[in-house]
Amino acid sequence: MTLPSEKDVRYGNPDDARLRLCSVTHDILGDPFWAVYRRGLSDAADALGVAVHHRAPERFSPELQAELLAAAVQEQPDGILATIPDAQAVDGPLRAAIGAGIPVIAVNAADPRPPAQRIPYLRYVGAEDRTGGRAAADRVLTRGTPRRALWIDHYLVDNACHVARGGGFAEALEQHGVPVERLRVTGEDHPGSVEAIATWVAAHPDLDALCTLGPPGCLAGIEALERTNRLSDVTHVSFDLAPAQLDAIRAGKLDCTLDSQQYLQGYLGVTLLTLYRDHGFLPAADVLTGPAPIDAGNVEQVLASVEAGVR
């Protein structure tokens, strides 16, 4: 099934829609994670009879995302879904939206600051990433205590959910005396990422555990471990879900991946905004969509959902 890949796309029929909603995210080119999120937007728009205008910058840049958010506010939509990869960068336009009476729901990446400082969006729909990072570390520890661990960040600038995932992974392992390092690579540059990871792995023969934060880093990590002949003796855990990751689990090249169920983030985000505008409904707390572990024990069950484009 072909999934939408545009950076600026509209779902639903704006001429007949009861509500006009906006979605503004930070996704990068080449990451299949976001095609599934957009499928959630599309399905919810059709089911609920609303229109959704989705936009994302051409590259990972919270500053460019902030500009897109400011433009969305000018359109005066009935609600906004927004990721918050850098709270300081998007704080201004999101507070402007809320001040103008536009309800905002955070998806995928939340404002990590204390409640008194946090952007006052209605709710967050997404994974609890620090818990996910600790779950990744726990998975590694079931294989034995590693001598050294590495986490791969496929963004060159900080992204709140990546920092939480990697931070939780490092904290949990460091409590067991394991040294943990972070390596940043450019997710859009697969050959360059493979080269950087392979160079690091070759220089650290005591590496026993690898954590990658999404499909770009995961696939580069697998190729780097193959290149350095370390695939069989490094426990590799990852995040998010793409068909290539499932293939790697089935082939024994990846121990597990932690799914944040991004289809739900798009679908439920649109649904919650619609219910809020129609009836004032809100869940009592944030809606956590992950982490949901996928490994050799349940990978076959997930394949049908992937084929349907919802995972």
C-alpha atoms as a PDB file:
ATOM      1  CA  MET A   1       0.000   0.000   0.000  1.00  0.00           C
ATOM      2  CA  THR A   2       1.350   3.428  -0.945  1.00  0.00           C
ATOM      3  CA  LEU A   3       1.381   5.884   1.924  1.00  0.00           C
ATOM      4  CA  PRO A   4       1.422   9.682   1.596  1.00  0.00           C
ATOM      5  CA  SER A   5       4.906  11.179   1.710  1.00  0.00           C
ATOM      6  CA  GLU A   6       4.326  14.871   1.038  1.00  0.00           C
ATOM      7  CA  LYS A   7       5.608  17.572   3.379  1.00  0.00           C
ATOM      8  CA  ASP A   8       2.486  19.667   2.773  1.00  0.00           C
ATOM      9  CA  VAL A   9      -0.686  17.675   2.249  1.00  0.00           C
ATOM     10  CA  ARG A  10      -4.394  17.946   2.995  1.00  0.00           C
ATOM     11  CA  TYR A  11      -6.650  15.134   4.172  1.00  0.00           C
ATOM     12  CA  GLY A  12     -10.428  15.032   4.100  1.00  0.00           C
ATOM     13  CA  ASN A  13     -12.604  17.333   2.013  1.00  0.00           C
ATOM     14  CA  PRO A  14     -12.146  20.941   3.175  1.00  0.00           C
ATOM     15  CA  ASP A  15     -15.261  22.038   1.267  1.00  0.00           C
ATOM     16  CA  ASP A  16     -17.531  19.703   3.251  1.00  0.00           C
ATOM     17  CA  ALA A  17     -15.574  19.467   6.520  1.00  0.00           C
ATOM     18  CA  ARG A  18     -17.166  20.408   9.836  1.00  0.00           C
ATOM     19  CA  LEU A  19     -13.762  21.327  11.288  1.00  0.00           C
ATOM     20  CA  ARG A  20     -10.414  22.440   9.857  1.00  0.00           C
ATOM     21  CA  LEU A  21      -7.424  21.090  11.780  1.00  0.00           C
ATOM     22  CA  CYS A  22      -3.663  21.524  11.319  1.00  0.00           C
ATOM     23  CA  SER A  23      -0.825  19.097  12.022  1.00  0.00           C
ATOM     24  CA  VAL A  24       2.740  20.397  12.158  1.00  0.00           C
ATOM     25  CA  THR A  25       5.551  17.928  12.859  1.00  0.00           C
ATOM     26  CA  HIS A  26       9.348  17.765  12.762  1.00  0.00           C
ATOM     27  CA  ASP A  27       9.762  14.653  10.598  1.00  0.00           C
ATOM     28  CA  ILE A  28      12.730  14.134   8.305  1.00  0.00           C
ATOM     29  CA  LEU A  29      12.844  12.781   4.764  1.00  0.00           C
ATOM     30  CA  GLY A  30      13.428   9.061   4.451  1.00  0.00           C
ATOM     31  CA  ASP A  31      11.952   8.046   7.822  1.00  0.00           C
ATOM     32  CA  PRO A  32       8.983   5.696   7.213  1.00  0.00           C
ATOM     33  CA  PHE A  33       7.740   6.345  10.746  1.00  0.00           C
ATOM     34  CA  TRP A  34       5.990   9.526   9.642  1.00  0.00           C
ATOM     35  CA  ALA A  35       4.141   8.003   6.697  1.00  0.00           C
ATOM     36  CA  VAL A  36       2.257   5.854   9.211  1.00  0.00           C
ATOM     37  CA  TYR A  37       1.483   8.891  11.389  1.00  0.00           C
ATOM     38  CA  ARG A  38       0.075  10.648   8.327  1.00  0.00           C
ATOM     39  CA  ARG A  39      -2.025   7.578   7.549  1.00  0.00           C
ATOM     40  CA  GLY A  40      -3.599   8.029  10.988  1.00  0.00           C
ATOM     41  CA  LEU A  41      -4.405  11.647  10.161  1.00  0.00           C
ATOM     42  CA  SER A  42      -5.945  10.637   6.833  1.00  0.00           C
ATOM     43  CA  ASP A  43      -8.085   7.821   8.222  1.00  0.00           C
ATOM     44  CA  ALA A  44      -9.378   9.948  11.101  1.00  0.00           C
ATOM     45  CA  ALA A  45     -10.197  12.856   8.774  1.00  0.00           C
ATOM     46  CA  ASP A  46     -12.260  10.546   6.560  1.00  0.00           C
ATOM     47  CA  ALA A  47     -13.986   8.828   9.480  1.00  0.00           C
ATOM     48  CA  LEU A  48     -14.914  12.044  11.291  1.00  0.00           C
ATOM     49  CA  GLY A  49     -15.685  14.280   8.337  1.00  0.00           C
ATOM     50  CA  VAL A  50     -13.014  16.853   9.160  1.00  0.00           C
ATOM     51  CA  ALA A  51     -10.152  18.355   7.152  1.00  0.00           C
ATOM     52  CA  VAL A  52      -6.518  18.135   8.253  1.00  0.00           C
ATOM     53  CA  HIS A  53      -3.714  20.212   6.755  1.00  0.00           C
ATOM     54  CA  HIS A  54      -0.386  18.540   7.563  1.00  0.00           C
ATOM     55  CA  ARG A  55       2.952  20.313   7.203  1.00  0.00           C
ATOM     56  CA  ALA A  56       6.563  19.578   8.098  1.00  0.00           C
ATOM     57  CA  PRO A  57       9.880  21.297   7.296  1.00  0.00           C
ATOM     58  CA  GLU A  58      12.106  20.026   4.496  1.00  0.00           C
ATOM     59  CA  ARG A  59      14.749  19.056   7.073  1.00  0.00           C
ATOM     60  CA  PHE A  60      14.855  18.575  10.815  1.00  0.00           C
ATOM     61  CA  SER A  61      14.725  22.101  12.187  1.00  0.00           C
ATOM     62  CA  PRO A  62      12.620  23.166  15.182  1.00  0.00           C
ATOM     63  CA  GLU A  63      13.090  26.755  14.016  1.00  0.00           C
ATOM     64  CA  LEU A  64      11.559  25.995  10.617  1.00  0.00           C
ATOM     65  CA  GLN A  65       8.827  24.047  12.338  1.00  0.00           C
ATOM     66  CA  ALA A  66       8.092  27.121  14.465  1.00  0.00           C
ATOM     67  CA  GLU A  67       7.646  29.152  11.266  1.00  0.00           C
ATOM     68  CA  LEU A  68       5.161  26.577   9.963  1.00  0.00           C
ATOM     69  CA  LEU A  69       3.292  26.719  13.269  1.00  0.00           C
ATOM     70  CA  ALA A  70       3.107  30.504  13.079  1.00  0.00           C
ATOM     71  CA  ALA A  71       1.648  30.197   9.578  1.00  0.00           C
ATOM     72  CA  ALA A  72      -0.866  27.640  10.836  1.00  0.00           C
ATOM     73  CA  VAL A  73      -2.013  30.032  13.578  1.00  0.00           C
ATOM     74  CA  GLN A  74      -2.644  32.688  10.934  1.00  0.00           C
ATOM     75  CA  GLU A  75      -5.059  30.307   9.210  1.00  0.00           C
ATOM     76  CA  GLN A  76      -7.137  30.211  12.426  1.00  0.00           C
ATOM     77  CA  PRO A  77      -7.872  26.469  12.318  1.00  0.00           C
ATOM     78  CA  ASP A  78     -10.237  24.734  14.720  1.00  0.00           C
ATOM     79  CA  GLY A  79      -7.328  22.907  16.349  1.00  0.00           C
ATOM     80  CA  ILE A  80      -3.613  22.156  16.036  1.00  0.00           C
ATOM     81  CA  LEU A  81      -1.602  18.960  16.510  1.00  0.00           C
ATOM     82  CA  ALA A  82       2.088  19.651  17.063  1.00  0.00           C
ATOM     83  CA  THR A  83       5.217  17.754  17.939  1.00  0.00           C
ATOM     84  CA  ILE A  84       7.531  19.491  20.409  1.00  0.00           C
ATOM     85  CA  PRO A  85      11.091  18.352  19.644  1.00  0.00           C
ATOM     86  CA  ASP A  86      12.491  21.603  21.097  1.00  0.00           C
ATOM     87  CA  ALA A  87      10.178  23.339  23.552  1.00  0.00           C
ATOM     88  CA  GLN A  88      11.987  26.671  23.430  1.00  0.00           C
ATOM     89  CA  ALA A  89      11.822  26.816  19.632  1.00  0.00           C
ATOM     90  CA  VAL A  90       8.073  26.199  19.303  1.00  0.00           C
ATOM     91  CA  ASP A  91       6.969  27.815  22.569  1.00  0.00           C
ATOM     92  CA  GLY A  92       6.060  31.171  21.020  1.00  0.00           C
ATOM     93  CA  PRO A  93       3.756  30.065  18.182  1.00  0.00           C
ATOM     94  CA  LEU A  94       2.028  27.416  20.291  1.00  0.00           C
ATOM     95  CA  ARG A  95       1.307  29.876  23.087  1.00  0.00           C
ATOM     96  CA  ALA A  96       0.064  32.306  20.439  1.00  0.00           C
ATOM     97  CA  ALA A  97      -2.321  29.623  19.153  1.00  0.00           C
ATOM     98  CA  ILE A  98      -3.630  28.884  22.642  1.00  0.00           C
ATOM     99  CA  GLY A  99      -3.961  32.594  23.367  1.00  0.00           C
ATOM    100  CA  ALA A 100      -6.046  32.964  20.209  1.00  0.00           C
ATOM    101  CA  GLY A 101      -8.436  30.268  21.427  1.00  0.00           C
ATOM    102  CA  ILE A 102      -7.093  27.475  19.199  1.00  0.00           C
ATOM    103  CA  PRO A 103      -6.940  24.171  21.095  1.00  0.00           C
ATOM    104  CA  VAL A 104      -3.567  22.422  20.868  1.00  0.00           C
ATOM    105  CA  ILE A 105      -2.705  18.775  21.444  1.00  0.00           C
ATOM    106  CA  ALA A 106       0.931  17.669  21.522  1.00  0.00           C
ATOM    107  CA  VAL A 107       1.748  14.462  19.654  1.00  0.00           C
ATOM    108  CA  ASN A 108       4.835  12.235  19.521  1.00  0.00           C
ATOM    109  CA  ALA A 109       7.155  14.621  21.387  1.00  0.00           C
ATOM    110  CA  ALA A 110       5.976  16.469  24.503  1.00  0.00           C
ATOM    111  CA  ASP A 111       7.252  19.524  26.351  1.00  0.00           C
ATOM    112  CA  PRO A 112       9.601  17.994  28.961  1.00  0.00           C
ATOM    113  CA  ARG A 113       9.672  21.029  31.233  1.00  0.00           C
ATOM    114  CA  PRO A 114       7.930  21.178  34.666  1.00  0.00           C
ATOM    115  CA  PRO A 115       4.173  21.864  34.552  1.00  0.00           C
ATOM    116  CA  ALA A 116       4.541  25.511  35.530  1.00  0.00           C
ATOM    117  CA  GLN A 117       6.851  26.145  32.555  1.00  0.00           C
ATOM    118  CA  ARG A 118       5.264  23.773  30.048  1.00  0.00           C
ATOM    119  CA  ILE A 119       3.308  24.966  27.030  1.00  0.00           C
ATOM    120  CA  PRO A 120      -0.343  24.673  28.201  1.00  0.00           C
ATOM    121  CA  TYR A 121      -1.583  22.305  25.496  1.00  0.00           C
ATOM    122  CA  LEU A 122      -4.651  20.220  26.313  1.00  0.00           C
ATOM    123  CA  ARG A 123      -3.099  16.756  26.325  1.00  0.00           C
ATOM    124  CA  TYR A 124      -0.178  14.760  24.948  1.00  0.00           C
ATOM    125  CA  VAL A 125      -0.689  11.697  22.719  1.00  0.00           C
ATOM    126  CA  GLY A 126       2.461   9.635  22.283  1.00  0.00           C
ATOM    127  CA  ALA A 127       5.035   7.402  23.917  1.00  0.00           C
ATOM    128  CA  GLU A 128       6.747   7.932  27.250  1.00  0.00           C
ATOM    129  CA  ASP A 129      10.260   7.998  25.871  1.00  0.00           C
ATOM    130  CA  ARG A 130      12.370   7.871  29.019  1.00  0.00           C
ATOM    131  CA  THR A 131      10.434   4.777  30.084  1.00  0.00           C
ATOM    132  CA  GLY A 132      11.137   3.387  26.621  1.00  0.00           C
ATOM    133  CA  GLY A 133      14.848   4.020  27.027  1.00  0.00           C
ATOM    134  CA  ARG A 134      14.892   2.192  30.325  1.00  0.00           C
ATOM    135  CA  ALA A 135      12.926  -0.669  28.763  1.00  0.00           C
ATOM    136  CA  ALA A 136      15.580  -0.909  26.040  1.00  0.00           C
ATOM    137  CA  ALA A 137      18.275  -1.129  28.710  1.00  0.00           C
ATOM    138  CA  ASP A 138      16.334  -3.789  30.602  1.00  0.00           C
ATOM    139  CA  ARG A 139      16.130  -5.804  27.406  1.00  0.00           C
ATOM    140  CA  VAL A 140      19.908  -5.617  27.020  1.00  0.00           C
ATOM    141  CA  LEU A 141      20.414  -6.664  30.650  1.00  0.00           C
ATOM    142  CA  THR A 142      18.398  -9.849  30.104  1.00  0.00           C
ATOM    143  CA  ARG A 143      21.267 -10.910  27.823  1.00  0.00           C
ATOM    144  CA  GLY A 144      23.846 -10.171  30.530  1.00  0.00           C
ATOM    145  CA  THR A 145      25.580  -7.022  31.738  1.00  0.00           C
ATOM    146  CA  PRO A 146      27.440  -5.448  28.793  1.00  0.00           C
ATOM    147  CA  ARG A 147      30.992  -4.157  29.042  1.00  0.00           C
ATOM    148  CA  ARG A 148      30.164  -1.048  27.005  1.00  0.00           C
ATOM    149  CA  ALA A 149      27.070   0.367  25.316  1.00  0.00           C
ATOM    150  CA  LEU A 150      26.391   2.924  22.598  1.00  0.00           C
ATOM    151  CA  TRP A 151      23.280   4.815  21.560  1.00  0.00           C
ATOM    152  CA  ILE A 152      22.925   6.295  18.096  1.00  0.00           C
ATOM    153  CA  ASP A 153      21.155   9.615  17.631  1.00  0.00           C
ATOM    154  CA  HIS A 154      20.253  10.147  13.965  1.00  0.00           C
ATOM    155  CA  TYR A 155      19.692  13.887  14.507  1.00  0.00           C
ATOM    156  CA  LEU A 156      22.599  16.314  14.758  1.00  0.00           C
ATOM    157  CA  VAL A 157      20.638  18.705  16.976  1.00  0.00           C
ATOM    158  CA  ASP A 158      18.711  17.846  20.108  1.00  0.00           C
ATOM    159  CA  ASN A 159      15.244  16.360  19.813  1.00  0.00           C
ATOM    160  CA  ALA A 160      13.405  16.022  23.132  1.00  0.00           C
ATOM    161  CA  CYS A 161      12.152  12.481  22.515  1.00  0.00           C
ATOM    162  CA  HIS A 162      15.601  11.298  21.356  1.00  0.00           C
ATOM    163  CA  VAL A 163      17.255  12.824  24.419  1.00  0.00           C
ATOM    164  CA  ALA A 164      14.701  11.071  26.644  1.00  0.00           C
ATOM    165  CA  ARG A 165      15.120   7.699  24.908  1.00  0.00           C
ATOM    166  CA  GLY A 166      18.898   7.786  24.943  1.00  0.00           C
ATOM    167  CA  GLY A 167      18.978   9.288  28.421  1.00  0.00           C
ATOM    168  CA  GLY A 168      16.754   6.565  29.871  1.00  0.00           C
ATOM    169  CA  PHE A 169      18.865   3.882  28.177  1.00  0.00           C
ATOM    170  CA  ALA A 170      22.111   5.359  29.538  1.00  0.00           C
ATOM    171  CA  GLU A 171      20.795   5.953  33.055  1.00  0.00           C
ATOM    172  CA  ALA A 172      19.538   2.402  33.439  1.00  0.00           C
ATOM    173  CA  LEU A 173      22.795   0.832  32.263  1.00  0.00           C
ATOM    174  CA  GLU A 174      25.037   3.219  34.162  1.00  0.00           C
ATOM    175  CA  GLN A 175      23.311   2.105  37.359  1.00  0.00           C
ATOM    176  CA  HIS A 176      24.893  -1.277  36.608  1.00  0.00           C
ATOM    177  CA  GLY A 177      28.323   0.256  36.071  1.00  0.00           C
ATOM    178  CA  VAL A 178      28.155   0.096  32.263  1.00  0.00           C
ATOM    179  CA  PRO A 179      29.855   2.973  30.383  1.00  0.00           C
ATOM    180  CA  VAL A 180      27.430   4.367  27.782  1.00  0.00           C
ATOM    181  CA  GLU A 181      28.294   6.779  24.972  1.00  0.00           C
ATOM    182  CA  ARG A 182      26.264   8.714  22.405  1.00  0.00           C
ATOM    183  CA  LEU A 183      27.137   8.929  18.712  1.00  0.00           C
ATOM    184  CA  ARG A 184      25.369  11.438  16.476  1.00  0.00           C
ATOM    185  CA  VAL A 185      24.942  10.729  12.771  1.00  0.00           C
ATOM    186  CA  THR A 186      22.994  12.349   9.945  1.00  0.00           C
ATOM    187  CA  GLY A 187      19.865  10.263   9.483  1.00  0.00           C
ATOM    188  CA  GLU A 188      19.304  11.415   5.903  1.00  0.00           C
ATOM    189  CA  ASP A 189      22.829  10.287   4.901  1.00  0.00           C
ATOM    190  CA  HIS A 190      22.731   6.496   5.132  1.00  0.00           C
ATOM    191  CA  PRO A 191      26.234   5.771   3.725  1.00  0.00           C
ATOM    192  CA  GLY A 192      27.759   8.432   5.975  1.00  0.00           C
ATOM    193  CA  SER A 193      25.912   7.055   8.997  1.00  0.00           C
ATOM    194  CA  VAL A 194      27.100   3.512   8.305  1.00  0.00           C
ATOM    195  CA  GLU A 195      30.689   4.718   7.963  1.00  0.00           C
ATOM    196  CA  ALA A 196      30.571   6.706  11.214  1.00  0.00           C
ATOM    197  CA  ILE A 197      29.054   3.855  13.212  1.00  0.00           C
ATOM    198  CA  ALA A 198      31.409   1.239  11.734  1.00  0.00           C
ATOM    199  CA  THR A 199      34.420   3.405  12.573  1.00  0.00           C
ATOM    200  CA  TRP A 200      33.247   3.775  16.181  1.00  0.00           C
ATOM    201  CA  VAL A 201      32.491   0.062  16.562  1.00  0.00           C
ATOM    202  CA  ALA A 202      35.863  -0.953  15.140  1.00  0.00           C
ATOM    203  CA  ALA A 203      37.585   1.319  17.676  1.00  0.00           C
ATOM    204  CA  HIS A 204      35.665  -0.210  20.614  1.00  0.00           C
ATOM    205  CA  PRO A 205      35.966  -4.020  20.565  1.00  0.00           C
ATOM    206  CA  ASP A 206      34.371  -4.207  24.025  1.00  0.00           C
ATOM    207  CA  LEU A 207      31.014  -2.918  22.718  1.00  0.00           C
ATOM    208  CA  ASP A 208      28.259  -5.354  23.719  1.00  0.00           C
ATOM    209  CA  ALA A 209      25.059  -3.307  23.385  1.00  0.00           C
ATOM    210  CA  LEU A 210      23.688  -0.885  20.803  1.00  0.00           C
ATOM    211  CA  CYS A 211      20.535   1.240  21.006  1.00  0.00           C
ATOM    212  CA  THR A 212      19.241   3.031  17.916  1.00  0.00           C
ATOM    213  CA  LEU A 213      16.384   5.522  18.081  1.00  0.00           C
ATOM    214  CA  GLY A 214      14.488   4.881  14.855  1.00  0.00           C
ATOM    215  CA  PRO A 215      14.656   3.302  11.395  1.00  0.00           C
ATOM    216  CA  PRO A 216      17.455   5.508   9.950  1.00  0.00           C
ATOM    217  CA  GLY A 217      19.837   4.734  12.812  1.00  0.00           C
ATOM    218  CA  CYS A 218      18.699   1.136  13.097  1.00  0.00           C
ATOM    219  CA  LEU A 219      19.378   0.214   9.477  1.00  0.00           C
ATOM    220  CA  ALA A 220      22.721   2.010   9.491  1.00  0.00           C
ATOM    221  CA  GLY A 221      23.618   0.252  12.755  1.00  0.00           C
ATOM    222  CA  ILE A 222      22.853  -3.189  11.361  1.00  0.00           C
ATOM    223  CA  GLU A 223      24.950  -2.533   8.261  1.00  0.00           C
ATOM    224  CA  ALA A 224      27.819  -1.200  10.387  1.00  0.00           C
ATOM    225  CA  LEU A 225      27.760  -4.268  12.643  1.00  0.00           C
ATOM    226  CA  GLU A 226      27.784  -6.500   9.584  1.00  0.00           C
ATOM    227  CA  ARG A 227      30.711  -4.589   8.122  1.00  0.00           C
ATOM    228  CA  THR A 228      32.722  -4.975  11.346  1.00  0.00           C
ATOM    229  CA  ASN A 229      31.715  -8.633  11.883  1.00  0.00           C
ATOM    230  CA  ARG A 230      30.057  -7.733  15.219  1.00  0.00           C
ATOM    231  CA  LEU A 231      26.440  -8.523  14.367  1.00  0.00           C
ATOM    232  CA  SER A 232      26.275 -11.759  16.343  1.00  0.00           C
ATOM    233  CA  ASP A 233      27.890 -10.517  19.556  1.00  0.00           C
ATOM    234  CA  VAL A 234      26.301  -7.051  20.009  1.00  0.00           C
ATOM    235  CA  THR A 235      22.749  -6.895  21.400  1.00  0.00           C
ATOM    236  CA  HIS A 236      20.934  -4.325  19.283  1.00  0.00           C
ATOM    237  CA  VAL A 237      17.647  -2.775  20.438  1.00  0.00           C
ATOM    238  CA  SER A 238      15.828  -0.067  18.532  1.00  0.00           C
ATOM    239  CA  PHE A 239      12.779   2.209  18.503  1.00  0.00           C
ATOM    240  CA  ASP A 240       9.824   2.752  16.193  1.00  0.00           C
ATOM    241  CA  LEU A 241       8.819   0.414  13.444  1.00  0.00           C
ATOM    242  CA  ALA A 242       9.516  -0.019   9.752  1.00  0.00           C
ATOM    243  CA  PRO A 243       9.267  -3.124   7.546  1.00  0.00           C
ATOM    244  CA  ALA A 244      13.062  -3.375   7.379  1.00  0.00           C
ATOM    245  CA  GLN A 245      13.225  -3.535  11.176  1.00  0.00           C
ATOM    246  CA  LEU A 246      10.725  -6.390  11.214  1.00  0.00           C
ATOM    247  CA  ASP A 247      12.750  -8.185   8.567  1.00  0.00           C
ATOM    248  CA  ALA A 248      15.846  -7.719  10.740  1.00  0.00           C
ATOM    249  CA  ILE A 249      14.079  -9.192  13.789  1.00  0.00           C
ATOM    250  CA  ARG A 250      12.951 -12.189  11.741  1.00  0.00           C
ATOM    251  CA  ALA A 251      16.500 -12.666  10.444  1.00  0.00           C
ATOM    252  CA  GLY A 252      18.008 -12.465  13.933  1.00  0.00           C
ATOM    253  CA  LYS A 253      19.835  -9.202  13.158  1.00  0.00           C
ATOM    254  CA  LEU A 254      17.867  -7.084  15.675  1.00  0.00           C
ATOM    255  CA  ASP A 255      16.845  -8.164  19.155  1.00  0.00           C
ATOM    256  CA  CYS A 256      13.716  -6.000  19.422  1.00  0.00           C
ATOM    257  CA  THR A 257      12.212  -2.632  18.635  1.00  0.00           C
ATOM    258  CA  LEU A 258       9.987  -0.474  20.826  1.00  0.00           C
ATOM    259  CA  ASP A 259       6.989   0.757  18.898  1.00  0.00           C
ATOM    260  CA  SER A 260       5.384   4.097  19.804  1.00  0.00           C
ATOM    261  CA  GLN A 261       2.320   3.251  17.651  1.00  0.00           C
ATOM    262  CA  GLN A 262       2.395   6.471  15.673  1.00  0.00           C
ATOM    263  CA  TYR A 263      -0.774   5.652  13.739  1.00  0.00           C
ATOM    264  CA  LEU A 264      -2.589   6.094  17.042  1.00  0.00           C
ATOM    265  CA  GLN A 265      -0.858   9.425  17.566  1.00  0.00           C
ATOM    266  CA  GLY A 266      -2.278  10.774  14.312  1.00  0.00           C
ATOM    267  CA  TYR A 267      -5.682   9.104  14.555  1.00  0.00           C
ATOM    268  CA  LEU A 268      -6.282   9.812  18.228  1.00  0.00           C
ATOM    269  CA  GLY A 269      -4.906  13.344  17.947  1.00  0.00           C
ATOM    270  CA  VAL A 270      -7.496  14.212  15.295  1.00  0.00           C
ATOM    271  CA  THR A 271     -10.201  12.366  17.246  1.00  0.00           C
ATOM    272  CA  LEU A 272      -9.480  14.168  20.521  1.00  0.00           C
ATOM    273  CA  LEU A 273      -9.475  17.590  18.885  1.00  0.00           C
ATOM    274  CA  THR A 274     -12.757  16.783  17.151  1.00  0.00           C
ATOM    275  CA  LEU A 275     -14.408  15.548  20.355  1.00  0.00           C
ATOM    276  CA  TYR A 276     -13.120  18.565  22.226  1.00  0.00           C
ATOM    277  CA  ARG A 277     -14.542  20.975  19.646  1.00  0.00           C
ATOM    278  CA  ASP A 278     -17.835  19.094  19.381  1.00  0.00           C
ATOM    279  CA  HIS A 279     -18.520  18.303  23.039  1.00  0.00           C
ATOM    280  CA  GLY A 280     -15.702  19.598  25.264  1.00  0.00           C
ATOM    281  CA  PHE A 281     -14.512  16.038  25.903  1.00  0.00           C
ATOM    282  CA  LEU A 282     -10.955  15.371  27.101  1.00  0.00           C
ATOM    283  CA  PRO A 283      -9.339  12.269  28.591  1.00  0.00           C
ATOM    284  CA  ALA A 284      -8.404  12.649  32.254  1.00  0.00           C
ATOM    285  CA  ALA A 285      -4.680  12.383  31.481  1.00  0.00           C
ATOM    286  CA  ASP A 286      -2.212  12.191  28.615  1.00  0.00           C
ATOM    287  CA  VAL A 287      -2.695   9.213  26.275  1.00  0.00           C
ATOM    288  CA  LEU A 288       0.405   7.001  26.143  1.00  0.00           C
ATOM    289  CA  THR A 289       0.791   4.983  22.941  1.00  0.00           C
ATOM    290  CA  GLY A 290       4.092   3.311  23.795  1.00  0.00           C
ATOM    291  CA  PRO A 291       6.550   1.795  24.300  1.00  0.00           C
ATOM    292  CA  ALA A 292       5.150  -1.427  22.857  1.00  0.00           C
ATOM    293  CA  PRO A 293       7.910  -4.071  22.425  1.00  0.00           C
ATOM    294  CA  ILE A 294       8.161  -6.132  19.250  1.00  0.00           C
ATOM    295  CA  ASP A 295      10.516  -9.111  19.076  1.00  0.00           C
ATOM    296  CA  ALA A 296      10.700 -12.593  17.619  1.00  0.00           C
ATOM    297  CA  GLY A 297       7.779 -13.660  19.806  1.00  0.00           C
ATOM    298  CA  ASN A 298       5.207 -11.316  18.261  1.00  0.00           C
ATOM    299  CA  VAL A 299       6.754 -10.045  15.025  1.00  0.00           C
ATOM    300  CA  GLU A 300       4.547 -12.225  12.841  1.00  0.00           C
ATOM    301  CA  GLN A 301       1.417 -10.757  14.438  1.00  0.00           C
ATOM    302  CA  VAL A 302       2.585  -7.237  13.588  1.00  0.00           C
ATOM    303  CA  LEU A 303       3.241  -7.926   9.909  1.00  0.00           C
ATOM    304  CA  ALA A 304      -0.413  -7.722   8.866  1.00  0.00           C
ATOM    305  CA  SER A 305      -0.727  -4.286  10.452  1.00  0.00           C
ATOM    306  CA  VAL A 306       2.388  -3.142   8.640  1.00  0.00           C
ATOM    307  CA  GLU A 307       0.972  -4.382   5.330  1.00  0.00           C
ATOM    308  CA  ALA A 308      -2.199  -2.397   6.096  1.00  0.00           C
ATOM    309  CA  GLY A 309      -0.109   0.732   6.624  1.00  0.00           C
ATOM    310  CA  VAL A 310      -1.073   1.281  10.262  1.00  0.00           C
ATOM    311  CA  ARG A 311       2.199   0.164  11.887  1.00  0.00           C
END
